[in-house]
């Protein structure tokens, strides 16, 4: 795939990047080099290779999914402008 200066100008417009006219030819050359490299990567046989998220195969640490009140309701409600009966109060939005 080969990109000309018109295509590069269109890509720059879509990306909302202002590129001066004199820089389009150099940018087209760089993008064509990148596209050639991508085409080379597409030729690599990856059958049997599992996708990776990183070089180390381990899971993320997870905590137990337990519902609780935070064990400090007084500290939490201390920031509320008008707490009532252990809850935050909010203005009525539906009549």
N, C-alpha and C. Protein backbone atom coordinates (compact mmCIF):
# COMPACT_ATOMS: atom_id res chain seq x y z
N UNK A 1 0.84 -1.18 0.00
CA UNK A 1 0.00 0.00 0.00
C UNK A 1 0.88 1.23 0.00
N UNK A 2 0.57 2.16 -0.85
CA UNK A 2 1.38 3.36 -0.97
C UNK A 2 0.51 4.59 -0.75
N UNK A 3 0.99 5.49 0.07
CA UNK A 3 0.26 6.72 0.36
C UNK A 3 0.90 7.89 -0.38
N UNK A 4 0.08 8.67 -1.06
CA UNK A 4 0.59 9.87 -1.71
C UNK A 4 0.31 11.08 -0.82
N UNK A 5 0.75 12.25 -1.25
CA UNK A 5 0.61 13.45 -0.43
C UNK A 5 -0.86 13.82 -0.23
N UNK A 6 -1.71 13.52 -1.22
CA UNK A 6 -3.13 13.82 -1.08
C UNK A 6 -3.74 12.96 0.05
N UNK A 7 -3.38 11.67 0.10
CA UNK A 7 -3.89 10.78 1.14
C UNK A 7 -3.37 11.21 2.51
N UNK A 8 -2.11 11.63 2.57
CA UNK A 8 -1.53 12.07 3.84
C UNK A 8 -2.23 13.34 4.32
N UNK A 9 -2.54 14.25 3.40
CA UNK A 9 -3.26 15.47 3.76
C UNK A 9 -4.65 15.12 4.29
N UNK A 10 -5.30 14.14 3.69
CA UNK A 10 -6.62 13.72 4.15
C UNK A 10 -6.54 13.08 5.53
N UNK A 11 -5.54 12.25 5.76
CA UNK A 11 -5.34 11.63 7.08
C UNK A 11 -5.08 12.70 8.13
N UNK A 12 -4.28 13.70 7.79
CA UNK A 12 -3.99 14.79 8.73
C UNK A 12 -5.26 15.57 9.05
N UNK A 13 -6.11 15.76 8.05
CA UNK A 13 -7.38 16.46 8.30
C UNK A 13 -8.27 15.64 9.23
N UNK A 14 -8.35 14.34 8.99
CA UNK A 14 -9.16 13.48 9.86
C UNK A 14 -8.64 13.48 11.29
N UNK A 15 -7.32 13.53 11.44
CA UNK A 15 -6.70 13.53 12.77
C UNK A 15 -6.65 14.93 13.37
N UNK A 16 -7.13 15.91 12.60
CA UNK A 16 -7.12 17.31 13.04
C UNK A 16 -5.72 17.78 13.38
N UNK A 17 -4.79 17.43 12.49
CA UNK A 17 -3.40 17.85 12.63
C UNK A 17 -3.09 18.78 11.47
N UNK A 18 -2.58 19.95 11.77
CA UNK A 18 -2.22 20.90 10.73
C UNK A 18 -0.80 20.57 10.25
N UNK A 19 -0.69 20.16 8.99
CA UNK A 19 0.60 19.81 8.40
C UNK A 19 0.87 20.77 7.24
N UNK A 20 1.98 21.50 7.28
CA UNK A 20 2.30 22.40 6.17
C UNK A 20 2.49 21.62 4.87
N UNK A 21 2.18 22.27 3.76
CA UNK A 21 2.26 21.63 2.43
C UNK A 21 3.65 21.07 2.14
N UNK A 22 4.70 21.78 2.56
CA UNK A 22 6.06 21.33 2.27
C UNK A 22 6.46 20.09 3.07
N UNK A 23 5.74 19.78 4.15
CA UNK A 23 6.06 18.61 4.97
C UNK A 23 5.32 17.35 4.54
N UNK A 24 4.35 17.47 3.64
CA UNK A 24 3.53 16.33 3.25
C UNK A 24 4.35 15.22 2.57
N UNK A 25 5.29 15.60 1.72
CA UNK A 25 6.08 14.59 0.99
C UNK A 25 6.93 13.77 1.96
N UNK A 26 7.58 14.43 2.91
CA UNK A 26 8.40 13.71 3.89
C UNK A 26 7.56 12.83 4.79
N UNK A 27 6.39 13.33 5.17
CA UNK A 27 5.49 12.55 6.01
C UNK A 27 4.95 11.34 5.26
N UNK A 28 4.68 11.52 3.95
CA UNK A 28 4.22 10.39 3.12
C UNK A 28 5.29 9.32 3.06
N UNK A 29 6.55 9.72 2.93
CA UNK A 29 7.65 8.75 2.88
C UNK A 29 7.74 7.97 4.20
N UNK A 30 7.63 8.69 5.34
CA UNK A 30 7.70 8.02 6.64
C UNK A 30 6.53 7.05 6.83
N UNK A 31 5.33 7.49 6.47
CA UNK A 31 4.16 6.62 6.63
C UNK A 31 4.24 5.41 5.71
N UNK A 32 4.78 5.57 4.50
CA UNK A 32 4.96 4.43 3.61
C UNK A 32 5.95 3.43 4.19
N UNK A 33 6.99 3.92 4.86
CA UNK A 33 7.93 3.03 5.54
C UNK A 33 7.26 2.24 6.66
N UNK A 34 6.40 2.91 7.41
CA UNK A 34 5.67 2.23 8.48
C UNK A 34 4.73 1.19 7.90
N UNK A 35 4.03 1.53 6.81
CA UNK A 35 3.10 0.59 6.18
C UNK A 35 3.85 -0.63 5.63
N UNK A 36 5.05 -0.43 5.09
CA UNK A 36 5.86 -1.55 4.61
C UNK A 36 6.23 -2.47 5.76
N UNK A 37 6.58 -1.90 6.90
CA UNK A 37 6.93 -2.69 8.08
C UNK A 37 5.72 -3.48 8.55
N UNK A 38 4.54 -2.88 8.54
CA UNK A 38 3.32 -3.57 8.95
C UNK A 38 3.03 -4.73 8.00
N UNK A 39 3.23 -4.52 6.71
CA UNK A 39 3.02 -5.60 5.74
C UNK A 39 3.97 -6.76 6.00
N UNK A 40 5.20 -6.46 6.43
CA UNK A 40 6.15 -7.53 6.78
C UNK A 40 5.66 -8.29 8.00
N UNK A 41 5.09 -7.60 8.97
CA UNK A 41 4.57 -8.27 10.17
C UNK A 41 3.41 -9.18 9.82
N UNK A 42 2.60 -8.81 8.83
CA UNK A 42 1.47 -9.63 8.42
C UNK A 42 1.91 -10.95 7.81
N UNK A 43 3.15 -11.04 7.34
CA UNK A 43 3.66 -12.26 6.73
C UNK A 43 4.14 -13.28 7.76
N UNK A 44 4.27 -12.88 9.01
CA UNK A 44 4.78 -13.77 10.06
C UNK A 44 3.70 -14.80 10.41
N UNK A 45 4.10 -16.07 10.49
CA UNK A 45 3.18 -17.15 10.84
C UNK A 45 2.99 -17.17 12.36
N UNK A 46 1.79 -16.88 12.81
CA UNK A 46 1.51 -16.83 14.25
C UNK A 46 0.53 -17.91 14.67
N UNK A 47 0.40 -18.97 13.89
CA UNK A 47 -0.51 -20.04 14.27
C UNK A 47 0.01 -20.72 15.53
N UNK A 48 -0.86 -20.94 16.47
CA UNK A 48 -0.49 -21.60 17.72
C UNK A 48 0.09 -20.66 18.77
N UNK A 49 0.19 -19.38 18.47
CA UNK A 49 0.72 -18.42 19.43
C UNK A 49 -0.45 -17.72 20.10
N UNK A 50 -0.52 -17.83 21.43
CA UNK A 50 -1.62 -17.20 22.15
C UNK A 50 -1.35 -15.71 22.34
N UNK A 51 -2.40 -14.90 22.29
CA UNK A 51 -2.22 -13.45 22.53
C UNK A 51 -1.70 -13.20 23.93
N UNK A 52 -0.89 -12.16 24.08
CA UNK A 52 -0.30 -11.83 25.37
C UNK A 52 -0.69 -10.41 25.77
N UNK A 53 -0.82 -10.18 27.05
CA UNK A 53 -1.02 -8.83 27.55
C UNK A 53 0.27 -8.29 28.15
N UNK A 54 1.25 -9.14 28.32
CA UNK A 54 2.54 -8.74 28.87
C UNK A 54 3.52 -9.90 28.76
N UNK A 55 4.77 -9.67 29.13
CA UNK A 55 5.77 -10.71 29.01
C UNK A 55 5.69 -11.73 30.14
N UNK A 56 5.07 -11.36 31.23
CA UNK A 56 4.96 -12.26 32.37
C UNK A 56 3.54 -12.81 32.43
N UNK A 57 3.41 -14.11 32.45
CA UNK A 57 2.10 -14.76 32.48
C UNK A 57 1.64 -14.93 33.91
N UNK A 58 0.90 -13.97 34.42
CA UNK A 58 0.33 -14.09 35.74
C UNK A 58 -0.95 -13.27 35.80
N UNK A 59 -1.83 -13.65 36.68
CA UNK A 59 -3.08 -12.93 36.83
C UNK A 59 -2.93 -11.72 37.73
N UNK A 60 -3.88 -10.85 37.65
CA UNK A 60 -3.87 -9.68 38.51
C UNK A 60 -4.38 -10.04 39.89
N UNK A 61 -3.83 -9.43 40.92
CA UNK A 61 -4.35 -9.71 42.26
C UNK A 61 -5.77 -9.16 42.39
N UNK A 62 -6.62 -9.95 42.99
CA UNK A 62 -8.01 -9.54 43.15
C UNK A 62 -8.43 -9.68 44.60
N UNK A 63 -9.26 -8.75 45.04
CA UNK A 63 -9.79 -8.81 46.39
C UNK A 63 -11.16 -9.49 46.34
N UNK A 64 -11.63 -9.91 47.49
CA UNK A 64 -12.95 -10.50 47.57
C UNK A 64 -14.00 -9.43 47.29
N UNK A 65 -15.03 -9.79 46.54
CA UNK A 65 -16.11 -8.87 46.22
C UNK A 65 -17.17 -8.96 47.32
N UNK A 66 -16.96 -8.17 48.38
CA UNK A 66 -17.82 -8.22 49.55
C UNK A 66 -18.45 -6.84 49.74
N UNK A 67 -19.75 -6.82 49.93
CA UNK A 67 -20.46 -5.57 50.19
C UNK A 67 -20.30 -5.22 51.66
N UNK A 68 -19.84 -3.98 51.94
CA UNK A 68 -19.75 -3.53 53.32
C UNK A 68 -19.96 -2.02 53.36
N UNK A 69 -20.06 -1.49 54.56
CA UNK A 69 -20.31 -0.05 54.71
C UNK A 69 -19.04 0.75 54.87
N UNK A 70 -17.90 0.14 54.73
CA UNK A 70 -16.63 0.83 54.89
C UNK A 70 -16.13 0.87 56.31
N UNK A 71 -16.95 0.42 57.25
CA UNK A 71 -16.59 0.32 58.67
C UNK A 71 -16.25 1.67 59.29
N UNK A 72 -16.67 2.76 58.68
CA UNK A 72 -16.43 4.08 59.27
C UNK A 72 -17.52 5.06 58.84
N UNK A 73 -18.78 4.76 59.11
CA UNK A 73 -19.86 5.64 58.64
C UNK A 73 -19.79 7.04 59.23
N UNK A 74 -19.30 7.20 60.45
CA UNK A 74 -19.23 8.54 61.05
C UNK A 74 -18.23 9.42 60.30
N UNK A 75 -17.09 8.85 59.93
CA UNK A 75 -16.09 9.61 59.18
C UNK A 75 -16.61 9.97 57.79
N UNK A 76 -17.33 9.05 57.16
CA UNK A 76 -17.85 9.30 55.82
C UNK A 76 -18.92 10.39 55.86
N UNK A 77 -19.83 10.30 56.81
CA UNK A 77 -20.91 11.28 56.90
C UNK A 77 -20.44 12.62 57.45
N UNK A 78 -19.24 12.71 57.99
CA UNK A 78 -18.71 13.99 58.49
C UNK A 78 -18.59 15.00 57.35
N UNK A 79 -18.43 14.56 56.12
CA UNK A 79 -18.31 15.45 54.97
C UNK A 79 -19.66 15.82 54.37
N UNK A 80 -20.73 15.20 54.81
CA UNK A 80 -22.05 15.47 54.24
C UNK A 80 -22.59 16.80 54.77
N UNK A 81 -23.18 17.63 53.91
CA UNK A 81 -23.70 18.91 54.39
C UNK A 81 -24.90 18.73 55.33
N UNK A 82 -25.79 17.76 55.04
CA UNK A 82 -26.97 17.54 55.88
C UNK A 82 -27.25 16.04 56.03
N UNK A 83 -26.49 15.32 56.84
CA UNK A 83 -26.79 13.90 57.02
C UNK A 83 -28.06 13.72 57.83
N UNK A 84 -28.76 12.61 57.54
CA UNK A 84 -29.98 12.33 58.29
C UNK A 84 -30.11 10.83 58.48
N UNK A 85 -30.20 10.39 59.73
CA UNK A 85 -30.41 8.98 60.07
C UNK A 85 -29.34 8.07 59.48
N UNK A 86 -28.09 8.54 59.41
CA UNK A 86 -26.99 7.72 58.91
C UNK A 86 -26.90 7.67 57.39
N UNK A 87 -27.57 8.59 56.69
CA UNK A 87 -27.54 8.61 55.23
C UNK A 87 -27.24 10.03 54.74
N UNK A 88 -26.80 10.14 53.48
CA UNK A 88 -26.69 11.43 52.82
C UNK A 88 -28.08 11.88 52.41
N UNK A 89 -28.37 13.16 52.52
CA UNK A 89 -29.64 13.68 52.02
C UNK A 89 -29.36 14.49 50.76
N UNK A 90 -30.25 14.38 49.80
CA UNK A 90 -30.12 15.11 48.53
C UNK A 90 -31.42 15.82 48.25
N UNK A 91 -31.38 16.89 47.44
CA UNK A 91 -32.60 17.59 47.12
C UNK A 91 -33.54 16.72 46.27
N UNK A 92 -34.82 16.94 46.42
CA UNK A 92 -35.81 16.20 45.67
C UNK A 92 -35.72 16.60 44.20
N UNK A 93 -35.65 15.62 43.30
CA UNK A 93 -35.51 15.92 41.88
C UNK A 93 -36.74 15.56 41.08
N UNK A 94 -37.64 14.75 41.62
CA UNK A 94 -38.87 14.35 40.94
C UNK A 94 -40.05 14.75 41.81
N UNK A 95 -41.01 15.39 41.20
CA UNK A 95 -42.18 15.80 41.98
C UNK A 95 -43.37 14.94 41.69
